[in-house]
Structure formats: structure tokens, C-alpha cells
């Protein structure tokens, strides 16, 4: 999600893996609870078009900043449907939505992260974890 070209990164990963080799990748979930809560119109528009997009500086800063508080130069959000296309060359691929550690979100302040992970993390988690085998 910070490479500047996710498609090329996935293709290069496939190229360098030995047959049967495994790749473990994490990308930001385009349809996470944070996206719906903070940018609902943008998220809905992406849902209708089903295309990934680079994050605004504001969005990127919500996910990653350096020690000076500057956002990462490139941050891309993805959906599982987009990732299925990108990982289509792989023999086996699994996707799992995880993570819900945003204390700014009211539900995360009321209920412990440990309690939220099994249902909120799996449904609207911040991240998508991919396990792909060549």
C-alpha cells in the first residue's frame, strides 16, 4: 500500500517466488469501519465504481506518519475483490480482514480491542491480510 504500484509489486513478488513459495502481504482495507465513519461519501463512491484509489493526505495521515507527523508519500486502499484480480496468477490465495485499534472511534473506547477483533475486525477491519502461494 506504500509501493506506488501495488499491481507491479504483486507481479514482482510472484516472479521471485519459487513454485510453491508463499507470500504474506498486508494492505489497507478500502471498506474498513474507519473509511465508512470518516469518509462515507468517498467510500460509497469507491464501492459503486469498485476501483482503488490513492489516499488523500488527510487519509494517509490517519494510517501512517513519520516522527514529524508527515503522511507517507503513497498510501493506497484496496478491496478484496480488487485483490482477487491482482492475485489471480497464484495457485492458492486467502484474504482476512483484521485489526480494529482506533481509539478515536467511539465503539473502540467502549469495548476492548480483544472483544472487538472477532466480529468488527473480521467484518470491517482496518487491514486485509493476504496469504498467497505460487
N, C-alpha and C. Protein backbone atom coordinates (compact mmCIF):
# COMPACT_ATOMS: atom_id res chain seq x y z
N UNK A 1 0.81 -1.20 0.00
CA UNK A 1 0.00 0.00 0.00
C UNK A 1 0.85 1.26 0.00
N UNK A 2 2.17 1.12 0.10
CA UNK A 2 3.06 2.28 0.02
C UNK A 2 4.04 2.18 -1.15
N UNK A 3 3.87 1.21 -2.01
CA UNK A 3 4.85 0.97 -3.08
C UNK A 3 4.75 1.95 -4.24
N UNK A 4 3.59 2.55 -4.42
CA UNK A 4 3.38 3.40 -5.58
C UNK A 4 2.78 2.64 -6.75
N UNK A 5 2.84 1.30 -6.70
CA UNK A 5 2.26 0.49 -7.77
C UNK A 5 2.01 -0.92 -7.21
N UNK A 6 0.86 -1.11 -6.61
CA UNK A 6 0.54 -2.39 -5.98
C UNK A 6 0.56 -3.52 -7.01
N UNK A 7 0.00 -3.28 -8.18
CA UNK A 7 -0.05 -4.33 -9.21
C UNK A 7 1.35 -4.81 -9.54
N UNK A 8 2.25 -3.91 -9.78
CA UNK A 8 3.63 -4.30 -10.13
C UNK A 8 4.31 -5.01 -8.96
N UNK A 9 4.06 -4.56 -7.75
CA UNK A 9 4.64 -5.20 -6.57
C UNK A 9 4.19 -6.66 -6.46
N UNK A 10 2.90 -6.90 -6.68
CA UNK A 10 2.37 -8.27 -6.61
C UNK A 10 2.93 -9.12 -7.74
N UNK A 11 3.03 -8.55 -8.92
CA UNK A 11 3.62 -9.28 -10.06
C UNK A 11 5.08 -9.63 -9.79
N UNK A 12 5.83 -8.70 -9.23
CA UNK A 12 7.24 -8.94 -8.93
C UNK A 12 7.40 -9.99 -7.83
N UNK A 13 6.51 -9.94 -6.86
CA UNK A 13 6.53 -10.95 -5.80
C UNK A 13 6.30 -12.33 -6.40
N UNK A 14 5.34 -12.44 -7.29
CA UNK A 14 5.07 -13.71 -7.98
C UNK A 14 6.30 -14.17 -8.76
N UNK A 15 6.94 -13.25 -9.45
CA UNK A 15 8.09 -13.60 -10.28
C UNK A 15 9.24 -14.17 -9.45
N UNK A 16 9.51 -13.60 -8.28
CA UNK A 16 10.68 -14.03 -7.50
C UNK A 16 10.40 -15.24 -6.61
N UNK A 17 9.13 -15.59 -6.43
CA UNK A 17 8.82 -16.76 -5.61
C UNK A 17 9.13 -18.05 -6.35
N UNK A 18 9.64 -19.02 -5.62
CA UNK A 18 9.81 -20.36 -6.19
C UNK A 18 8.42 -20.99 -6.31
N UNK A 19 8.26 -21.97 -7.22
CA UNK A 19 6.98 -22.69 -7.27
C UNK A 19 6.66 -23.26 -5.88
N UNK A 20 5.45 -23.04 -5.43
CA UNK A 20 5.04 -23.48 -4.09
C UNK A 20 5.39 -22.49 -3.00
N UNK A 21 6.14 -21.41 -3.36
CA UNK A 21 6.53 -20.40 -2.37
C UNK A 21 5.34 -19.60 -1.86
N UNK A 22 5.50 -19.03 -0.68
CA UNK A 22 4.42 -18.30 -0.02
C UNK A 22 4.73 -16.81 0.06
N UNK A 23 3.71 -15.99 -0.12
CA UNK A 23 3.81 -14.54 0.07
C UNK A 23 2.79 -14.15 1.13
N UNK A 24 3.21 -13.31 2.04
CA UNK A 24 2.33 -12.77 3.08
C UNK A 24 2.34 -11.26 2.92
N UNK A 25 1.15 -10.69 2.69
CA UNK A 25 1.04 -9.27 2.36
C UNK A 25 -0.07 -8.65 3.19
N UNK A 26 0.10 -7.38 3.56
CA UNK A 26 -0.95 -6.63 4.24
C UNK A 26 -1.19 -5.34 3.47
N UNK A 27 -2.46 -5.04 3.23
CA UNK A 27 -2.85 -3.79 2.60
C UNK A 27 -3.97 -3.17 3.44
N UNK A 28 -4.21 -1.90 3.22
CA UNK A 28 -5.28 -1.22 3.93
C UNK A 28 -6.62 -1.52 3.28
N UNK A 29 -7.63 -1.78 4.10
CA UNK A 29 -8.97 -2.12 3.65
C UNK A 29 -9.73 -0.88 3.22
N UNK A 30 -10.11 -0.84 1.95
CA UNK A 30 -10.87 0.27 1.41
C UNK A 30 -12.23 0.45 2.10
N UNK A 31 -12.76 -0.65 2.64
CA UNK A 31 -14.09 -0.60 3.23
C UNK A 31 -14.06 -0.88 4.74
N UNK A 32 -13.05 -0.40 5.40
CA UNK A 32 -12.95 -0.57 6.85
C UNK A 32 -13.93 0.37 7.57
N UNK A 33 -14.14 0.10 8.84
CA UNK A 33 -15.02 0.97 9.63
C UNK A 33 -14.51 2.40 9.64
N UNK A 34 -13.19 2.59 9.61
CA UNK A 34 -12.64 3.95 9.62
C UNK A 34 -12.99 4.68 8.34
N UNK A 35 -12.92 3.99 7.21
CA UNK A 35 -13.28 4.61 5.93
C UNK A 35 -14.75 5.01 5.91
N UNK A 36 -15.63 4.11 6.38
CA UNK A 36 -17.06 4.41 6.40
C UNK A 36 -17.38 5.53 7.37
N UNK A 37 -16.71 5.56 8.50
CA UNK A 37 -17.02 6.55 9.52
C UNK A 37 -16.47 7.93 9.17
N UNK A 38 -15.26 8.00 8.66
CA UNK A 38 -14.62 9.30 8.44
C UNK A 38 -14.83 9.85 7.03
N UNK A 39 -14.96 8.98 6.03
CA UNK A 39 -15.10 9.41 4.65
C UNK A 39 -16.22 8.63 3.96
N UNK A 40 -17.45 8.69 4.48
CA UNK A 40 -18.53 7.84 3.95
C UNK A 40 -18.86 8.11 2.47
N UNK A 41 -18.87 9.34 2.03
CA UNK A 41 -19.21 9.61 0.63
C UNK A 41 -18.13 9.09 -0.31
N UNK A 42 -16.88 9.32 0.03
CA UNK A 42 -15.79 8.80 -0.80
C UNK A 42 -15.84 7.27 -0.84
N UNK A 43 -16.08 6.66 0.30
CA UNK A 43 -16.11 5.20 0.39
C UNK A 43 -17.27 4.65 -0.42
N UNK A 44 -18.42 5.29 -0.33
CA UNK A 44 -19.58 4.85 -1.10
C UNK A 44 -19.31 4.99 -2.60
N UNK A 45 -18.70 6.10 -3.01
CA UNK A 45 -18.37 6.29 -4.43
C UNK A 45 -17.40 5.22 -4.92
N UNK A 46 -16.43 4.85 -4.11
CA UNK A 46 -15.49 3.79 -4.49
C UNK A 46 -16.24 2.46 -4.59
N UNK A 47 -17.17 2.21 -3.67
CA UNK A 47 -17.97 0.98 -3.70
C UNK A 47 -18.74 0.88 -5.02
N UNK A 48 -19.31 1.96 -5.47
CA UNK A 48 -20.06 1.96 -6.72
C UNK A 48 -19.16 1.72 -7.93
N UNK A 49 -17.96 2.28 -7.91
CA UNK A 49 -17.04 2.16 -9.05
C UNK A 49 -16.12 0.96 -8.95
N UNK A 50 -15.91 0.43 -7.73
CA UNK A 50 -15.03 -0.71 -7.48
C UNK A 50 -13.63 -0.51 -8.05
N UNK A 51 -13.09 0.67 -7.85
CA UNK A 51 -11.72 0.95 -8.25
C UNK A 51 -10.96 1.45 -7.04
N UNK A 52 -9.72 1.01 -6.93
CA UNK A 52 -8.87 1.50 -5.85
C UNK A 52 -8.47 2.94 -6.12
N UNK A 53 -8.03 3.59 -5.10
CA UNK A 53 -7.59 4.96 -5.28
C UNK A 53 -6.54 5.28 -4.23
N UNK A 54 -5.72 6.23 -4.57
CA UNK A 54 -4.73 6.69 -3.61
C UNK A 54 -5.44 7.52 -2.54
N UNK A 55 -4.91 7.48 -1.37
CA UNK A 55 -5.49 8.22 -0.25
C UNK A 55 -5.19 9.71 -0.37
N UNK A 56 -6.07 10.51 0.19
CA UNK A 56 -5.76 11.92 0.35
C UNK A 56 -4.68 12.03 1.43
N UNK A 57 -4.05 13.17 1.53
CA UNK A 57 -3.03 13.38 2.57
C UNK A 57 -3.65 13.19 3.94
N UNK A 58 -4.88 13.67 4.13
CA UNK A 58 -5.58 13.51 5.41
C UNK A 58 -5.79 12.03 5.74
N UNK A 59 -6.24 11.25 4.76
CA UNK A 59 -6.45 9.82 4.99
C UNK A 59 -5.14 9.11 5.28
N UNK A 60 -4.12 9.39 4.50
CA UNK A 60 -2.82 8.75 4.70
C UNK A 60 -2.29 9.03 6.10
N UNK A 61 -2.49 10.24 6.58
CA UNK A 61 -2.00 10.60 7.92
C UNK A 61 -2.75 9.85 9.01
N UNK A 62 -3.96 9.40 8.73
CA UNK A 62 -4.71 8.61 9.71
C UNK A 62 -4.13 7.20 9.86
N UNK A 63 -3.33 6.78 8.89
CA UNK A 63 -2.79 5.43 8.89
C UNK A 63 -1.30 5.39 9.20
N UNK A 64 -0.53 6.24 8.58
CA UNK A 64 0.92 6.23 8.76
C UNK A 64 1.49 7.64 8.75
N UNK A 65 2.35 7.93 9.71
CA UNK A 65 3.09 9.19 9.70
C UNK A 65 4.51 8.91 10.18
N UNK A 66 5.42 9.80 9.79
CA UNK A 66 6.78 9.69 10.28
C UNK A 66 6.88 10.38 11.64
N UNK A 67 8.06 10.47 12.18
CA UNK A 67 8.24 11.07 13.51
C UNK A 67 7.84 12.53 13.56
N UNK A 68 7.84 13.20 12.42
CA UNK A 68 7.45 14.60 12.35
C UNK A 68 5.95 14.77 12.08
N UNK A 69 5.22 13.66 11.96
CA UNK A 69 3.79 13.71 11.70
C UNK A 69 3.43 13.84 10.24
N UNK A 70 4.41 13.68 9.35
CA UNK A 70 4.16 13.77 7.91
C UNK A 70 3.64 12.43 7.39
N UNK A 71 2.59 12.50 6.55
CA UNK A 71 1.99 11.28 6.00
C UNK A 71 2.94 10.60 5.03
N UNK A 72 2.74 9.29 4.87
CA UNK A 72 3.51 8.52 3.89
C UNK A 72 3.28 9.11 2.50
N UNK A 73 4.31 9.08 1.63
CA UNK A 73 4.15 9.70 0.30
C UNK A 73 3.13 9.00 -0.59
N UNK A 74 2.87 7.71 -0.35
CA UNK A 74 1.90 6.96 -1.15
C UNK A 74 1.16 6.01 -0.22
N UNK A 75 -0.15 6.10 -0.21
CA UNK A 75 -0.97 5.17 0.54
C UNK A 75 -2.16 4.81 -0.34
N UNK A 76 -2.37 3.51 -0.54
CA UNK A 76 -3.46 3.04 -1.39
C UNK A 76 -4.35 2.11 -0.57
N UNK A 77 -5.65 2.24 -0.75
CA UNK A 77 -6.60 1.36 -0.10
C UNK A 77 -7.12 0.37 -1.14
N UNK A 78 -7.37 -0.86 -0.71
CA UNK A 78 -7.80 -1.92 -1.63
C UNK A 78 -9.00 -2.66 -1.06
N UNK A 79 -9.73 -3.31 -1.97
CA UNK A 79 -10.83 -4.18 -1.56
C UNK A 79 -10.43 -5.62 -1.89
N UNK A 80 -11.11 -6.56 -1.27
CA UNK A 80 -10.82 -7.96 -1.55
C UNK A 80 -11.12 -8.29 -3.02
N UNK A 81 -12.17 -7.73 -3.58
CA UNK A 81 -12.47 -8.01 -4.99
C UNK A 81 -11.35 -7.51 -5.91
N UNK A 82 -10.77 -6.37 -5.62
CA UNK A 82 -9.65 -5.88 -6.41
C UNK A 82 -8.43 -6.78 -6.23
N UNK A 83 -8.20 -7.21 -5.00
CA UNK A 83 -7.04 -8.05 -4.70
C UNK A 83 -7.16 -9.42 -5.35
N UNK A 84 -8.36 -9.95 -5.45
CA UNK A 84 -8.55 -11.25 -6.11
C UNK A 84 -8.07 -11.19 -7.56
N UNK A 85 -8.31 -10.10 -8.22
CA UNK A 85 -7.84 -9.93 -9.60
C UNK A 85 -6.31 -9.85 -9.62
N UNK A 86 -5.74 -9.07 -8.72
CA UNK A 86 -4.29 -8.88 -8.69
C UNK A 86 -3.53 -10.16 -8.34
N UNK A 87 -4.15 -11.02 -7.54
CA UNK A 87 -3.50 -12.26 -7.11
C UNK A 87 -3.98 -13.47 -7.92
N UNK A 88 -4.60 -13.24 -9.07
CA UNK A 88 -5.20 -14.34 -9.83
C UNK A 88 -4.20 -15.36 -10.37
N UNK A 89 -2.94 -15.00 -10.53
CA UNK A 89 -1.92 -15.95 -11.01
C UNK A 89 -1.54 -16.98 -9.96
N UNK A 90 -1.75 -16.67 -8.72
CA UNK A 90 -1.33 -17.55 -7.64
C UNK A 90 -2.23 -18.78 -7.57
N UNK A 91 -1.66 -19.91 -7.16
CA UNK A 91 -2.41 -21.17 -7.07
C UNK A 91 -3.42 -21.13 -5.93
N UNK A 92 -3.04 -20.59 -4.80
CA UNK A 92 -3.92 -20.51 -3.63
C UNK A 92 -3.77 -19.14 -2.99
N UNK A 93 -4.91 -18.53 -2.67
CA UNK A 93 -4.89 -17.21 -2.03
C UNK A 93 -5.99 -17.17 -0.98
N UNK A 94 -5.66 -16.61 0.18
CA UNK A 94 -6.70 -16.37 1.20
C UNK A 94 -6.60 -14.92 1.66
N UNK A 95 -7.74 -14.38 2.02
CA UNK A 95 -7.83 -12.99 2.45
C UNK A 95 -8.52 -12.96 3.81
N UNK A 96 -8.03 -12.13 4.70
CA UNK A 96 -8.65 -11.99 6.02
C UNK A 96 -8.61 -10.52 6.43
N UNK A 97 -9.78 -9.99 6.77
CA UNK A 97 -9.85 -8.63 7.31
C UNK A 97 -9.55 -8.72 8.80
N UNK A 98 -8.70 -7.82 9.27
CA UNK A 98 -8.33 -7.82 10.68
C UNK A 98 -8.04 -6.41 11.15
N UNK A 99 -7.95 -6.26 12.44
CA UNK A 99 -7.48 -5.06 13.12
C UNK A 99 -8.62 -4.07 13.38
N UNK A 100 -8.65 -3.59 14.59
CA UNK A 100 -9.59 -2.53 15.00
C UNK A 100 -9.02 -1.85 16.24
N UNK A 101 -8.05 -1.01 16.01
CA UNK A 101 -7.34 -0.42 17.13
C UNK A 101 -7.44 1.10 17.15
N UNK A 102 -8.55 1.63 16.74
CA UNK A 102 -8.71 3.07 16.61
C UNK A 102 -9.45 3.64 17.81
N UNK A 103 -8.72 4.16 18.78
CA UNK A 103 -9.36 4.67 19.99
C UNK A 103 -10.16 5.94 19.74
N UNK A 104 -10.02 6.54 18.57
CA UNK A 104 -10.84 7.72 18.25
C UNK A 104 -12.26 7.31 17.90
N UNK A 105 -12.45 6.05 17.52
CA UNK A 105 -13.78 5.58 17.16
C UNK A 105 -14.53 5.22 18.44
N UNK A 106 -15.73 5.74 18.67
CA UNK A 106 -16.43 5.54 19.94
C UNK A 106 -16.56 4.09 20.39
N UNK A 107 -16.88 3.18 19.48
CA UNK A 107 -17.05 1.78 19.85
C UNK A 107 -15.76 1.19 20.44
N UNK A 108 -14.62 1.63 19.90
CA UNK A 108 -13.33 1.12 20.38
C UNK A 108 -12.99 1.65 21.77
N UNK A 109 -13.61 2.74 22.16
CA UNK A 109 -13.40 3.26 23.53
C UNK A 109 -14.31 2.55 24.53
N UNK A 110 -15.44 2.05 24.06
CA UNK A 110 -16.41 1.40 24.94
C UNK A 110 -16.13 -0.08 25.14
N UNK A 111 -15.62 -0.72 24.10
CA UNK A 111 -15.41 -2.17 24.14
C UNK A 111 -13.93 -2.45 23.87
N UNK A 112 -13.35 -3.36 24.60
CA UNK A 112 -11.93 -3.66 24.45
C UNK A 112 -11.62 -4.20 23.06
N UNK A 113 -10.41 -3.95 22.62
CA UNK A 113 -9.96 -4.43 21.31
C UNK A 113 -10.09 -5.95 21.22
N UNK A 114 -9.76 -6.63 22.29
CA UNK A 114 -9.84 -8.09 22.31
C UNK A 114 -11.26 -8.57 22.03
N UNK A 115 -12.23 -7.85 22.54
CA UNK A 115 -13.64 -8.23 22.31
C UNK A 115 -14.10 -7.85 20.90
N UNK A 116 -13.56 -6.76 20.34
CA UNK A 116 -13.98 -6.30 19.03
C UNK A 116 -13.39 -7.10 17.87
N UNK A 117 -12.16 -7.57 18.04
CA UNK A 117 -11.46 -8.24 16.95
C UNK A 117 -12.25 -9.38 16.29
N UNK A 118 -12.88 -10.27 17.05
CA UNK A 118 -13.57 -11.40 16.41
C UNK A 118 -14.70 -11.00 15.46
N UNK A 119 -15.41 -9.91 15.74
CA UNK A 119 -16.51 -9.56 14.83
C UNK A 119 -16.24 -8.29 14.03
N UNK A 120 -15.80 -7.22 14.65
CA UNK A 120 -15.54 -5.98 13.91
C UNK A 120 -14.32 -6.14 13.01
N UNK A 121 -13.26 -6.75 13.54
CA UNK A 121 -12.05 -6.95 12.76
C UNK A 121 -12.30 -7.79 11.52
N UNK A 122 -13.08 -8.85 11.65
CA UNK A 122 -13.34 -9.74 10.51
C UNK A 122 -14.30 -9.14 9.49
N UNK A 123 -15.16 -8.25 9.92
CA UNK A 123 -16.14 -7.66 9.01
C UNK A 123 -15.65 -6.35 8.38
N UNK A 124 -15.09 -5.47 9.21
CA UNK A 124 -14.74 -4.12 8.74
C UNK A 124 -13.34 -3.71 9.19
N UNK A 125 -12.46 -4.68 9.34
CA UNK A 125 -11.11 -4.42 9.84
C UNK A 125 -10.34 -3.40 9.01
N UNK A 126 -9.38 -2.76 9.66
CA UNK A 126 -8.56 -1.76 9.00
C UNK A 126 -7.67 -2.34 7.91
N UNK A 127 -7.27 -3.59 8.08
CA UNK A 127 -6.28 -4.20 7.19
C UNK A 127 -6.84 -5.47 6.54
N UNK A 128 -6.28 -5.78 5.37
CA UNK A 128 -6.54 -7.06 4.72
C UNK A 128 -5.22 -7.81 4.67
N UNK A 129 -5.19 -8.99 5.24
CA UNK A 129 -4.01 -9.84 5.23
C UNK A 129 -4.19 -10.89 4.15
N UNK A 130 -3.17 -11.03 3.32
CA UNK A 130 -3.23 -11.96 2.19
C UNK A 130 -2.14 -13.02 2.36
N UNK A 131 -2.52 -14.27 2.20
CA UNK A 131 -1.57 -15.36 2.13
C UNK A 131 -1.73 -15.96 0.75
N UNK A 132 -0.67 -15.86 -0.05
CA UNK A 132 -0.71 -16.37 -1.42
C UNK A 132 0.38 -17.40 -1.63
N UNK A 133 0.04 -18.46 -2.35
CA UNK A 133 1.02 -19.50 -2.68
C UNK A 133 1.10 -19.62 -4.18
N UNK A 134 2.34 -19.62 -4.67
CA UNK A 134 2.58 -19.72 -6.12
C UNK A 134 2.35 -21.14 -6.60
